[in-house]
Amino acid sequence: MTTNDKVSAIVPISNRYDQSGTLAQEYLEALKETGRDFELVFVLDGDHADLTTRLCDIASTDSRLRIIQLARTFGESTAISAGVENTDGNIILTLPGYYQIEASEIKKILVELDNGDMVVTTRWPRAAASRFEILRRKAFHHLVKVATGYNFSDLGCGARAFKRSVANEMPIYGDQHRFIPLLALARGFRVDELQVQQSAKDRFDKGYGPRIYLRRLLDIFTIVFLVRFTKKPLRFFGMIGSVMTLFGGAFLLYVIIERLFFGVMLADRPALLLSSLLVVLGLQIFALGLLGELIIFTHARDIKEYTIEKEVN
């Protein structure tokens, strides 16, 4: 990698963002300090008229600031994907639309990228937070580590840099932007974690509702499946289906033995219904895994699950 590689800095603007336009100015100044060719692209996910006006004023004086307005609200992952597809830099730098890190740390992130394929940042030292917030953060990352085997400290930080080859290998949709490092590691890319200075303005005291926690739990479940079972669906569904079938079968056998040898009537016994249901449901889940295997087998030639780091001759 050379210092002449163009940097495409993408700032997705969704629900939470800096309305003053000051952050955009700070990003521009920090990118100029890197000495690299760059473009700063704000992707507006929905209508943000207040910010659009301020960004247009800045863009009129610096053409390196670009604005992409999406037709409606699609989500932050879609905004990042739109930014990647509509830029041409060899280096992709995602930056949060609100204060998370000091803008001066951008140069440090890009330098670190010279040693790998992707750099994720962790804010350190972290500002004082409530005990609940600290426990919530630790619980989330511990759950991710247990589920995927990968250990990260601050997946919520939106400042990341990666090569375009990484972006080309990973479709980003839903709420997967938080888990880009996990998907990159699963593809064999080298991902490094870098400590950066947290912004003094990084504050969020509103908390999250139960709906958000449920979404994050479902996101982790999705990532586990994508990381471990994308090309082995039978291992996932087969394991669940087999356990349910065996458990239901054993329960059903117990009920039948009671009826045949001990004279226990089957009428009005919820155990019979429950055991039968477990057997049928387990077989259906197992069949779903087999169907997934057939689909994977049919399209296996079109699915790439590896990354070539280097070729000689």
C-alpha atoms as a PDB file:
ATOM      1  CA  MET A   1       0.000   0.000   0.000  1.00  0.00           C
ATOM      2  CA  THR A   2       1.226   3.459  -0.818  1.00  0.00           C
ATOM      3  CA  THR A   3       0.301   6.868   0.505  1.00  0.00           C
ATOM      4  CA  ASN A   4      -1.204   7.627  -2.923  1.00  0.00           C
ATOM      5  CA  ASP A   5      -4.099   5.214  -2.347  1.00  0.00           C
ATOM      6  CA  LYS A   6      -7.311   7.191  -2.343  1.00  0.00           C
ATOM      7  CA  VAL A   7      -9.358   7.188   0.849  1.00  0.00           C
ATOM      8  CA  SER A   8     -13.136   7.093   0.591  1.00  0.00           C
ATOM      9  CA  ALA A   9     -14.440   8.237   3.964  1.00  0.00           C
ATOM     10  CA  ILE A  10     -18.115   7.336   4.412  1.00  0.00           C
ATOM     11  CA  VAL A  11     -20.309   8.897   7.081  1.00  0.00           C
ATOM     12  CA  PRO A  12     -23.744   7.267   7.374  1.00  0.00           C
ATOM     13  CA  ILE A  13     -26.360   9.622   8.788  1.00  0.00           C
ATOM     14  CA  SER A  14     -29.295   7.883  10.422  1.00  0.00           C
ATOM     15  CA  ASN A  15     -31.125   8.540  13.688  1.00  0.00           C
ATOM     16  CA  ARG A  16     -28.280  10.057  15.671  1.00  0.00           C
ATOM     17  CA  TYR A  17     -25.972  12.667  14.146  1.00  0.00           C
ATOM     18  CA  ASP A  18     -24.289  16.021  14.644  1.00  0.00           C
ATOM     19  CA  GLN A  19     -26.694  18.655  13.335  1.00  0.00           C
ATOM     20  CA  SER A  20     -24.286  21.588  13.401  1.00  0.00           C
ATOM     21  CA  GLY A  21     -21.978  20.475  10.599  1.00  0.00           C
ATOM     22  CA  THR A  22     -18.969  21.034  12.862  1.00  0.00           C
ATOM     23  CA  LEU A  23     -18.058  17.374  12.795  1.00  0.00           C
ATOM     24  CA  ALA A  24     -17.921  17.427   8.997  1.00  0.00           C
ATOM     25  CA  GLN A  25     -15.423  20.278   9.165  1.00  0.00           C
ATOM     26  CA  GLU A  26     -13.313  18.366  11.680  1.00  0.00           C
ATOM     27  CA  TYR A  27     -13.319  15.273   9.479  1.00  0.00           C
ATOM     28  CA  LEU A  28     -12.238  17.342   6.471  1.00  0.00           C
ATOM     29  CA  GLU A  29      -9.363  18.917   8.360  1.00  0.00           C
ATOM     30  CA  ALA A  30      -8.220  15.566   9.760  1.00  0.00           C
ATOM     31  CA  LEU A  31      -8.287  13.942   6.313  1.00  0.00           C
ATOM     32  CA  LYS A  32      -6.251  16.797   4.895  1.00  0.00           C
ATOM     33  CA  GLU A  33      -3.657  16.181   7.589  1.00  0.00           C
ATOM     34  CA  THR A  34      -3.130  12.620   6.334  1.00  0.00           C
ATOM     35  CA  GLY A  35      -1.604  13.906   3.091  1.00  0.00           C
ATOM     36  CA  ARG A  36      -3.599  11.369   1.077  1.00  0.00           C
ATOM     37  CA  ASP A  37      -6.051  11.819  -1.751  1.00  0.00           C
ATOM     38  CA  PHE A  38      -9.532  11.474  -0.273  1.00  0.00           C
ATOM     39  CA  GLU A  39     -13.238  12.036  -0.597  1.00  0.00           C
ATOM     40  CA  LEU A  40     -15.614  12.553   2.319  1.00  0.00           C
ATOM     41  CA  VAL A  41     -19.069  11.183   1.554  1.00  0.00           C
ATOM     42  CA  PHE A  42     -22.072  11.814   3.774  1.00  0.00           C
ATOM     43  CA  VAL A  43     -24.838   9.293   3.066  1.00  0.00           C
ATOM     44  CA  LEU A  44     -28.135  10.656   4.363  1.00  0.00           C
ATOM     45  CA  ASP A  45     -30.451   7.816   5.315  1.00  0.00           C
ATOM     46  CA  GLY A  46     -33.766   9.594   4.890  1.00  0.00           C
ATOM     47  CA  ASP A  47     -34.627  13.272   5.084  1.00  0.00           C
ATOM     48  CA  HIS A  48     -32.231  15.354   7.186  1.00  0.00           C
ATOM     49  CA  ALA A  49     -32.905  18.829   5.813  1.00  0.00           C
ATOM     50  CA  ASP A  50     -31.177  20.646   8.664  1.00  0.00           C
ATOM     51  CA  LEU A  51     -27.881  18.869   8.097  1.00  0.00           C
ATOM     52  CA  THR A  52     -28.181  18.863   4.308  1.00  0.00           C
ATOM     53  CA  THR A  53     -28.179  22.654   4.199  1.00  0.00           C
ATOM     54  CA  ARG A  54     -25.024  22.900   6.294  1.00  0.00           C
ATOM     55  CA  LEU A  55     -23.248  20.185   4.318  1.00  0.00           C
ATOM     56  CA  CYS A  56     -24.109  21.899   1.031  1.00  0.00           C
ATOM     57  CA  ASP A  57     -22.522  25.106   2.322  1.00  0.00           C
ATOM     58  CA  ILE A  58     -19.314  23.214   3.154  1.00  0.00           C
ATOM     59  CA  ALA A  59     -19.368  21.304  -0.142  1.00  0.00           C
ATOM     60  CA  SER A  60     -19.546  24.586  -2.072  1.00  0.00           C
ATOM     61  CA  THR A  61     -16.071  25.444  -0.768  1.00  0.00           C
ATOM     62  CA  ASP A  62     -14.538  21.950  -0.913  1.00  0.00           C
ATOM     63  CA  SER A  63     -15.520  19.559  -3.692  1.00  0.00           C
ATOM     64  CA  ARG A  64     -14.061  16.617  -1.792  1.00  0.00           C
ATOM     65  CA  LEU A  65     -17.155  16.655   0.388  1.00  0.00           C
ATOM     66  CA  ARG A  66     -19.961  14.749  -1.312  1.00  0.00           C
ATOM     67  CA  ILE A  67     -23.553  14.154  -0.269  1.00  0.00           C
ATOM     68  CA  ILE A  68     -25.670  11.128  -1.144  1.00  0.00           C
ATOM     69  CA  GLN A  69     -29.356  11.380  -0.272  1.00  0.00           C
ATOM     70  CA  LEU A  70     -31.275   8.099  -0.047  1.00  0.00           C
ATOM     71  CA  ALA A  71     -34.916   8.143  -1.140  1.00  0.00           C
ATOM     72  CA  ARG A  72     -36.147   7.037   2.291  1.00  0.00           C
ATOM     73  CA  THR A  73     -34.876   5.513   5.522  1.00  0.00           C
ATOM     74  CA  PHE A  74     -33.256   2.128   4.813  1.00  0.00           C
ATOM     75  CA  GLY A  75     -30.924   1.692   7.796  1.00  0.00           C
ATOM     76  CA  GLU A  76     -27.283   2.374   8.554  1.00  0.00           C
ATOM     77  CA  SER A  77     -26.003  -0.789   6.874  1.00  0.00           C
ATOM     78  CA  THR A  78     -27.693   0.196   3.613  1.00  0.00           C
ATOM     79  CA  ALA A  79     -26.239   3.688   3.912  1.00  0.00           C
ATOM     80  CA  ILE A  80     -22.730   2.247   4.247  1.00  0.00           C
ATOM     81  CA  SER A  81     -23.317  -0.071   1.288  1.00  0.00           C
ATOM     82  CA  ALA A  82     -24.526   2.851  -0.809  1.00  0.00           C
ATOM     83  CA  GLY A  83     -21.408   4.789   0.130  1.00  0.00           C
ATOM     84  CA  VAL A  84     -19.121   1.888  -0.809  1.00  0.00           C
ATOM     85  CA  GLU A  85     -20.868   1.385  -4.154  1.00  0.00           C
ATOM     86  CA  ASN A  86     -20.705   5.066  -5.065  1.00  0.00           C
ATOM     87  CA  THR A  87     -17.054   5.702  -4.222  1.00  0.00           C
ATOM     88  CA  ASP A  88     -13.833   4.568  -5.875  1.00  0.00           C
ATOM     89  CA  GLY A  89     -11.147   4.780  -3.204  1.00  0.00           C
ATOM     90  CA  ASN A  90      -8.923   1.788  -2.553  1.00  0.00           C
ATOM     91  CA  ILE A  91      -9.348   2.405   1.181  1.00  0.00           C
ATOM     92  CA  ILE A  92     -12.769   2.576   2.809  1.00  0.00           C
ATOM     93  CA  LEU A  93     -12.997   4.563   6.030  1.00  0.00           C
ATOM     94  CA  THR A  94     -16.312   4.572   7.878  1.00  0.00           C
ATOM     95  CA  LEU A  95     -16.841   7.360  10.370  1.00  0.00           C
ATOM     96  CA  PRO A  96     -19.732   7.899  12.796  1.00  0.00           C
ATOM     97  CA  GLY A  97     -22.162  10.724  12.118  1.00  0.00           C
ATOM     98  CA  TYR A  98     -21.855  11.880  15.707  1.00  0.00           C
ATOM     99  CA  TYR A  99     -18.972  12.388  18.117  1.00  0.00           C
ATOM    100  CA  GLN A 100     -17.307   9.107  19.093  1.00  0.00           C
ATOM    101  CA  ILE A 101     -13.587   9.576  18.505  1.00  0.00           C
ATOM    102  CA  GLU A 102     -11.310  12.562  18.110  1.00  0.00           C
ATOM    103  CA  ALA A 103     -11.033  13.403  14.396  1.00  0.00           C
ATOM    104  CA  SER A 104      -7.261  13.721  14.760  1.00  0.00           C
ATOM    105  CA  GLU A 105      -7.091   9.925  15.233  1.00  0.00           C
ATOM    106  CA  ILE A 106      -8.019   9.320  11.577  1.00  0.00           C
ATOM    107  CA  LYS A 107      -4.398   9.498  10.475  1.00  0.00           C
ATOM    108  CA  LYS A 108      -3.459   6.909  13.096  1.00  0.00           C
ATOM    109  CA  ILE A 109      -6.161   4.554  11.818  1.00  0.00           C
ATOM    110  CA  LEU A 110      -5.007   4.799   8.211  1.00  0.00           C
ATOM    111  CA  VAL A 111      -1.373   4.190   9.163  1.00  0.00           C
ATOM    112  CA  GLU A 112      -2.387   1.056  11.083  1.00  0.00           C
ATOM    113  CA  LEU A 113      -4.224  -0.255   8.021  1.00  0.00           C
ATOM    114  CA  ASP A 114      -0.886  -0.612   6.225  1.00  0.00           C
ATOM    115  CA  ASN A 115      -0.286  -3.709   8.365  1.00  0.00           C
ATOM    116  CA  GLY A 116      -3.502  -5.588   7.596  1.00  0.00           C
ATOM    117  CA  ASP A 117      -6.802  -5.689   5.757  1.00  0.00           C
ATOM    118  CA  MET A 118      -9.034  -4.001   8.307  1.00  0.00           C
ATOM    119  CA  VAL A 119      -8.702  -1.835  11.391  1.00  0.00           C
ATOM    120  CA  VAL A 120     -11.429  -1.541  14.014  1.00  0.00           C
ATOM    121  CA  THR A 121     -11.159   1.016  16.758  1.00  0.00           C
ATOM    122  CA  THR A 122     -11.873   0.882  20.442  1.00  0.00           C
ATOM    123  CA  ARG A 123     -12.372   4.069  22.414  1.00  0.00           C
ATOM    124  CA  TRP A 124      -9.826   4.239  25.197  1.00  0.00           C
ATOM    125  CA  PRO A 125      -9.819   5.418  27.849  1.00  0.00           C
ATOM    126  CA  ARG A 126     -13.607   5.266  27.959  1.00  0.00           C
ATOM    127  CA  ALA A 127     -15.437   8.083  29.660  1.00  0.00           C
ATOM    128  CA  ALA A 128     -17.115   7.385  32.964  1.00  0.00           C
ATOM    129  CA  ALA A 129     -20.440   5.625  32.536  1.00  0.00           C
ATOM    130  CA  SER A 130     -23.123   4.179  34.762  1.00  0.00           C
ATOM    131  CA  ARG A 131     -22.604   0.738  36.226  1.00  0.00           C
ATOM    132  CA  PHE A 132     -25.490  -0.572  34.136  1.00  0.00           C
ATOM    133  CA  GLU A 133     -23.910   0.768  30.928  1.00  0.00           C
ATOM    134  CA  ILE A 134     -20.577  -0.867  31.743  1.00  0.00           C
ATOM    135  CA  LEU A 135     -22.238  -4.202  32.520  1.00  0.00           C
ATOM    136  CA  ARG A 136     -24.361  -3.989  29.360  1.00  0.00           C
ATOM    137  CA  ARG A 137     -21.283  -3.331  27.228  1.00  0.00           C
ATOM    138  CA  LYS A 138     -19.296  -6.175  28.793  1.00  0.00           C
ATOM    139  CA  ALA A 139     -22.207  -8.593  28.546  1.00  0.00           C
ATOM    140  CA  PHE A 140     -22.700  -7.829  24.857  1.00  0.00           C
ATOM    141  CA  HIS A 141     -19.055  -8.372  23.909  1.00  0.00           C
ATOM    142  CA  HIS A 142     -18.798 -11.464  26.096  1.00  0.00           C
ATOM    143  CA  LEU A 143     -21.837 -12.929  24.358  1.00  0.00           C
ATOM    144  CA  VAL A 144     -20.284 -12.174  20.973  1.00  0.00           C
ATOM    145  CA  LYS A 145     -17.053 -13.879  22.036  1.00  0.00           C
ATOM    146  CA  VAL A 146     -18.848 -16.967  23.318  1.00  0.00           C
ATOM    147  CA  ALA A 147     -21.035 -17.193  20.214  1.00  0.00           C
ATOM    148  CA  THR A 148     -18.406 -16.569  17.542  1.00  0.00           C
ATOM    149  CA  GLY A 149     -15.030 -17.106  19.222  1.00  0.00           C
ATOM    150  CA  TYR A 150     -13.853 -13.626  18.254  1.00  0.00           C
ATOM    151  CA  ASN A 151     -12.920 -11.093  20.916  1.00  0.00           C
ATOM    152  CA  PHE A 152     -13.496  -7.365  20.401  1.00  0.00           C
ATOM    153  CA  SER A 153     -13.791  -4.537  22.889  1.00  0.00           C
ATOM    154  CA  ASP A 154     -15.898  -1.893  21.147  1.00  0.00           C
ATOM    155  CA  LEU A 155     -18.023  -3.119  18.246  1.00  0.00           C
ATOM    156  CA  GLY A 156     -20.246  -0.088  18.747  1.00  0.00           C
ATOM    157  CA  CYS A 157     -17.548   2.291  17.533  1.00  0.00           C
ATOM    158  CA  GLY A 158     -18.264   3.313  13.940  1.00  0.00           C
ATOM    159  CA  ALA A 159     -14.706   4.368  13.029  1.00  0.00           C
ATOM    160  CA  ARG A 160     -13.202   1.594  10.887  1.00  0.00           C
ATOM    161  CA  ALA A 161     -10.886   1.338   7.923  1.00  0.00           C
ATOM    162  CA  PHE A 162     -10.634  -1.510   5.454  1.00  0.00           C
ATOM    163  CA  LYS A 163      -9.434  -2.195   1.956  1.00  0.00           C
ATOM    164  CA  ARG A 164     -11.889  -2.266  -0.903  1.00  0.00           C
ATOM    165  CA  SER A 165     -11.148  -5.957  -1.399  1.00  0.00           C
ATOM    166  CA  VAL A 166     -12.759  -6.552   1.998  1.00  0.00           C
ATOM    167  CA  ALA A 167     -15.854  -4.564   1.050  1.00  0.00           C
ATOM    168  CA  ASN A 168     -16.163  -6.432  -2.243  1.00  0.00           C
ATOM    169  CA  GLU A 169     -16.265  -9.779  -0.441  1.00  0.00           C
ATOM    170  CA  MET A 170     -18.950  -8.929   2.115  1.00  0.00           C
ATOM    171  CA  PRO A 171     -22.510  -7.825   1.360  1.00  0.00           C
ATOM    172  CA  ILE A 172     -23.729  -5.643   4.221  1.00  0.00           C
ATOM    173  CA  TYR A 173     -27.446  -5.550   5.008  1.00  0.00           C
ATOM    174  CA  GLY A 174     -29.847  -5.363   7.914  1.00  0.00           C
ATOM    175  CA  ASP A 175     -27.944  -4.230  11.021  1.00  0.00           C
ATOM    176  CA  GLN A 176     -24.744  -6.071  10.172  1.00  0.00           C
ATOM    177  CA  HIS A 177     -22.556  -2.957  10.044  1.00  0.00           C
ATOM    178  CA  ARG A 178     -21.668  -3.549  13.696  1.00  0.00           C
ATOM    179  CA  PHE A 179     -20.377  -7.012  12.891  1.00  0.00           C
ATOM    180  CA  ILE A 180     -18.275  -6.268   9.803  1.00  0.00           C
ATOM    181  CA  PRO A 181     -15.067  -7.299  11.656  1.00  0.00           C
ATOM    182  CA  LEU A 182     -16.547 -10.717  12.484  1.00  0.00           C
ATOM    183  CA  LEU A 183     -17.573 -11.326   8.883  1.00  0.00           C
ATOM    184  CA  ALA A 184     -14.136 -10.217   7.673  1.00  0.00           C
ATOM    185  CA  LEU A 185     -12.379 -12.601  10.060  1.00  0.00           C
ATOM    186  CA  ALA A 186     -14.615 -15.443   8.914  1.00  0.00           C
ATOM    187  CA  ARG A 187     -13.459 -14.764   5.343  1.00  0.00           C
ATOM    188  CA  GLY A 188      -9.807 -14.966   6.350  1.00  0.00           C
ATOM    189  CA  PHE A 189      -8.957 -11.270   6.353  1.00  0.00           C
ATOM    190  CA  ARG A 190      -6.558  -9.851   8.912  1.00  0.00           C
ATOM    191  CA  VAL A 191      -8.389  -7.576  11.340  1.00  0.00           C
ATOM    192  CA  ASP A 192      -6.527  -5.469  13.902  1.00  0.00           C
ATOM    193  CA  GLU A 193      -7.997  -3.596  16.852  1.00  0.00           C
ATOM    194  CA  LEU A 194      -6.620  -0.127  17.566  1.00  0.00           C
ATOM    195  CA  GLN A 195      -7.105   2.049  20.621  1.00  0.00           C
ATOM    196  CA  VAL A 196      -8.076   5.630  19.791  1.00  0.00           C
ATOM    197  CA  GLN A 197      -8.909   8.676  21.838  1.00  0.00           C
ATOM    198  CA  GLN A 198     -12.584   8.968  22.680  1.00  0.00           C
ATOM    199  CA  SER A 199     -14.192  12.300  21.862  1.00  0.00           C
ATOM    200  CA  ALA A 200     -14.940  14.507  24.826  1.00  0.00           C
ATOM    201  CA  LYS A 201     -18.414  15.014  23.297  1.00  0.00           C
ATOM    202  CA  ASP A 202     -19.214  11.309  23.136  1.00  0.00           C
ATOM    203  CA  ARG A 203     -22.192  11.129  25.436  1.00  0.00           C
ATOM    204  CA  PHE A 204     -25.401   9.103  25.225  1.00  0.00           C
ATOM    205  CA  ASP A 205     -27.514   9.079  28.359  1.00  0.00           C
ATOM    206  CA  LYS A 206     -30.925   8.135  26.945  1.00  0.00           C
ATOM    207  CA  GLY A 207     -30.462   4.388  27.224  1.00  0.00           C
ATOM    208  CA  TYR A 208     -32.060   1.714  25.041  1.00  0.00           C
ATOM    209  CA  GLY A 209     -35.482   0.133  25.092  1.00  0.00           C
ATOM    210  CA  PRO A 210     -36.217  -3.635  25.290  1.00  0.00           C
ATOM    211  CA  ARG A 211     -36.819  -3.678  21.538  1.00  0.00           C
ATOM    212  CA  ILE A 212     -33.213  -2.677  20.842  1.00  0.00           C
ATOM    213  CA  TYR A 213     -31.836  -5.417  23.104  1.00  0.00           C
ATOM    214  CA  LEU A 214     -33.992  -8.001  21.347  1.00  0.00           C
ATOM    215  CA  ARG A 215     -32.710  -6.793  17.977  1.00  0.00           C
ATOM    216  CA  ARG A 216     -29.094  -7.068  19.096  1.00  0.00           C
ATOM    217  CA  LEU A 217     -29.689 -10.590  20.377  1.00  0.00           C
ATOM    218  CA  LEU A 218     -31.213 -11.590  17.039  1.00  0.00           C
ATOM    219  CA  ASP A 219     -28.297  -9.911  15.215  1.00  0.00           C
ATOM    220  CA  ILE A 220     -25.830 -12.023  17.193  1.00  0.00           C
ATOM    221  CA  PHE A 221     -27.830 -15.138  16.343  1.00  0.00           C
ATOM    222  CA  THR A 222     -27.687 -14.179  12.642  1.00  0.00           C
ATOM    223  CA  ILE A 223     -23.939 -13.571  12.752  1.00  0.00           C
ATOM    224  CA  VAL A 224     -23.317 -16.923  14.456  1.00  0.00           C
ATOM    225  CA  PHE A 225     -25.154 -18.654  11.627  1.00  0.00           C
ATOM    226  CA  LEU A 226     -23.336 -16.652   8.923  1.00  0.00           C
ATOM    227  CA  VAL A 227     -19.910 -17.191  10.488  1.00  0.00           C
ATOM    228  CA  ARG A 228     -20.192 -20.873  11.367  1.00  0.00           C
ATOM    229  CA  PHE A 229     -22.944 -22.502   9.337  1.00  0.00           C
ATOM    230  CA  THR A 230     -23.298 -20.669   6.016  1.00  0.00           C
ATOM    231  CA  LYS A 231     -22.068 -23.681   4.041  1.00  0.00           C
ATOM    232  CA  LYS A 232     -23.023 -26.278   6.675  1.00  0.00           C
ATOM    233  CA  PRO A 233     -26.718 -25.664   7.410  1.00  0.00           C
ATOM    234  CA  LEU A 234     -27.342 -29.326   8.290  1.00  0.00           C
ATOM    235  CA  ARG A 235     -24.948 -29.054  11.238  1.00  0.00           C
ATOM    236  CA  PHE A 236     -27.029 -26.227  12.642  1.00  0.00           C
ATOM    237  CA  PHE A 237     -30.552 -27.378  11.878  1.00  0.00           C
ATOM    238  CA  GLY A 238     -29.622 -31.056  12.158  1.00  0.00           C
ATOM    239  CA  MET A 239     -28.275 -30.587  15.656  1.00  0.00           C
ATOM    240  CA  ILE A 240     -31.405 -28.793  16.837  1.00  0.00           C
ATOM    241  CA  GLY A 241     -33.730 -31.183  15.028  1.00  0.00           C
ATOM    242  CA  SER A 242     -31.936 -34.289  16.296  1.00  0.00           C
ATOM    243  CA  VAL A 243     -32.028 -33.147  19.915  1.00  0.00           C
ATOM    244  CA  MET A 244     -35.734 -32.332  19.709  1.00  0.00           C
ATOM    245  CA  THR A 245     -36.531 -35.637  17.957  1.00  0.00           C
ATOM    246  CA  LEU A 246     -34.543 -37.725  20.451  1.00  0.00           C
ATOM    247  CA  PHE A 247     -36.017 -35.918  23.435  1.00  0.00           C
ATOM    248  CA  GLY A 248     -39.557 -36.201  22.076  1.00  0.00           C
ATOM    249  CA  GLY A 249     -39.014 -39.826  21.041  1.00  0.00           C
ATOM    250  CA  ALA A 250     -37.752 -40.805  24.472  1.00  0.00           C
ATOM    251  CA  PHE A 251     -40.684 -39.042  26.114  1.00  0.00           C
ATOM    252  CA  LEU A 252     -43.117 -40.709  23.698  1.00  0.00           C
ATOM    253  CA  LEU A 253     -41.581 -44.138  24.367  1.00  0.00           C
ATOM    254  CA  TYR A 254     -41.999 -43.599  28.101  1.00  0.00           C
ATOM    255  CA  VAL A 255     -45.682 -42.748  27.627  1.00  0.00           C
ATOM    256  CA  ILE A 256     -46.233 -45.857  25.455  1.00  0.00           C
ATOM    257  CA  ILE A 257     -44.499 -48.130  27.983  1.00  0.00           C
ATOM    258  CA  GLU A 258     -46.708 -46.732  30.726  1.00  0.00           C
ATOM    259  CA  ARG A 259     -49.771 -47.500  28.632  1.00  0.00           C
ATOM    260  CA  LEU A 260     -48.724 -51.049  27.647  1.00  0.00           C
ATOM    261  CA  PHE A 261     -47.302 -52.339  30.919  1.00  0.00           C
ATOM    262  CA  PHE A 262     -48.773 -50.210  33.682  1.00  0.00           C
ATOM    263  CA  GLY A 263     -52.238 -49.512  32.353  1.00  0.00           C
ATOM    264  CA  VAL A 264     -51.914 -45.726  32.386  1.00  0.00           C
ATOM    265  CA  MET A 265     -54.513 -44.315  30.024  1.00  0.00           C
ATOM    266  CA  LEU A 266     -53.424 -41.991  27.206  1.00  0.00           C
ATOM    267  CA  ALA A 267     -56.578 -39.929  27.194  1.00  0.00           C
ATOM    268  CA  ASP A 268     -56.263 -36.404  28.572  1.00  0.00           C
ATOM    269  CA  ARG A 269     -52.467 -36.693  28.821  1.00  0.00           C
ATOM    270  CA  PRO A 270     -50.667 -33.525  27.642  1.00  0.00           C
ATOM    271  CA  ALA A 271     -47.401 -35.530  27.674  1.00  0.00           C
ATOM    272  CA  LEU A 272     -48.564 -37.506  24.626  1.00  0.00           C
ATOM    273  CA  LEU A 273     -49.322 -34.376  22.655  1.00  0.00           C
ATOM    274  CA  LEU A 274     -46.103 -32.665  23.721  1.00  0.00           C
ATOM    275  CA  SER A 275     -43.858 -35.629  22.874  1.00  0.00           C
ATOM    276  CA  SER A 276     -45.524 -36.142  19.493  1.00  0.00           C
ATOM    277  CA  LEU A 277     -45.154 -32.454  18.714  1.00  0.00           C
ATOM    278  CA  LEU A 278     -41.434 -32.532  19.572  1.00  0.00           C
ATOM    279  CA  VAL A 279     -40.849 -35.502  17.274  1.00  0.00           C
ATOM    280  CA  VAL A 280     -42.695 -33.919  14.344  1.00  0.00           C
ATOM    281  CA  LEU A 281     -41.079 -30.507  14.858  1.00  0.00           C
ATOM    282  CA  GLY A 282     -37.627 -32.059  15.195  1.00  0.00           C
ATOM    283  CA  LEU A 283     -38.044 -33.977  11.935  1.00  0.00           C
ATOM    284  CA  GLN A 284     -39.190 -30.808  10.172  1.00  0.00           C
ATOM    285  CA  ILE A 285     -36.182 -28.834  11.399  1.00  0.00           C
ATOM    286  CA  PHE A 286     -33.866 -31.666  10.346  1.00  0.00           C
ATOM    287  CA  ALA A 287     -35.512 -31.706   6.904  1.00  0.00           C
ATOM    288  CA  LEU A 288     -34.969 -27.946   6.683  1.00  0.00           C
ATOM    289  CA  GLY A 289     -31.251 -28.548   7.202  1.00  0.00           C
ATOM    290  CA  LEU A 290     -31.237 -31.170   4.449  1.00  0.00           C
ATOM    291  CA  LEU A 291     -32.988 -28.745   2.123  1.00  0.00           C
ATOM    292  CA  GLY A 292     -30.350 -26.141   2.946  1.00  0.00           C
ATOM    293  CA  GLU A 293     -27.604 -28.635   2.139  1.00  0.00           C
ATOM    294  CA  LEU A 294     -29.198 -29.341  -1.251  1.00  0.00           C
ATOM    295  CA  ILE A 295     -29.315 -25.617  -2.022  1.00  0.00           C
ATOM    296  CA  ILE A 296     -25.692 -25.147  -0.955  1.00  0.00           C
ATOM    297  CA  PHE A 297     -24.611 -28.166  -3.014  1.00  0.00           C
ATOM    298  CA  THR A 298     -26.385 -26.806  -6.078  1.00  0.00           C
ATOM    299  CA  HIS A 299     -24.755 -23.373  -5.801  1.00  0.00           C
ATOM    300  CA  ALA A 300     -21.448 -24.380  -4.192  1.00  0.00           C
ATOM    301  CA  ARG A 301     -19.422 -23.337  -7.239  1.00  0.00           C
ATOM    302  CA  ASP A 302     -20.806 -19.804  -6.974  1.00  0.00           C
ATOM    303  CA  ILE A 303     -20.074 -19.441  -3.254  1.00  0.00           C
ATOM    304  CA  LYS A 304     -16.645 -18.226  -2.219  1.00  0.00           C
ATOM    305  CA  GLU A 305     -15.614 -18.697   1.409  1.00  0.00           C
ATOM    306  CA  TYR A 306     -11.884 -17.983   1.224  1.00  0.00           C
ATOM    307  CA  THR A 307      -9.551 -15.082   0.513  1.00  0.00           C
ATOM    308  CA  ILE A 308      -6.196 -15.349  -1.256  1.00  0.00           C
ATOM    309  CA  GLU A 309      -3.616 -13.212   0.494  1.00  0.00           C
ATOM    310  CA  LYS A 310      -0.766 -13.580  -2.003  1.00  0.00           C
ATOM    311  CA  GLU A 311       0.202 -15.409  -5.179  1.00  0.00           C
ATOM    312  CA  VAL A 312       3.720 -16.031  -6.483  1.00  0.00           C
ATOM    313  CA  ASN A 313       4.261 -16.711 -10.212  1.00  0.00           C
END
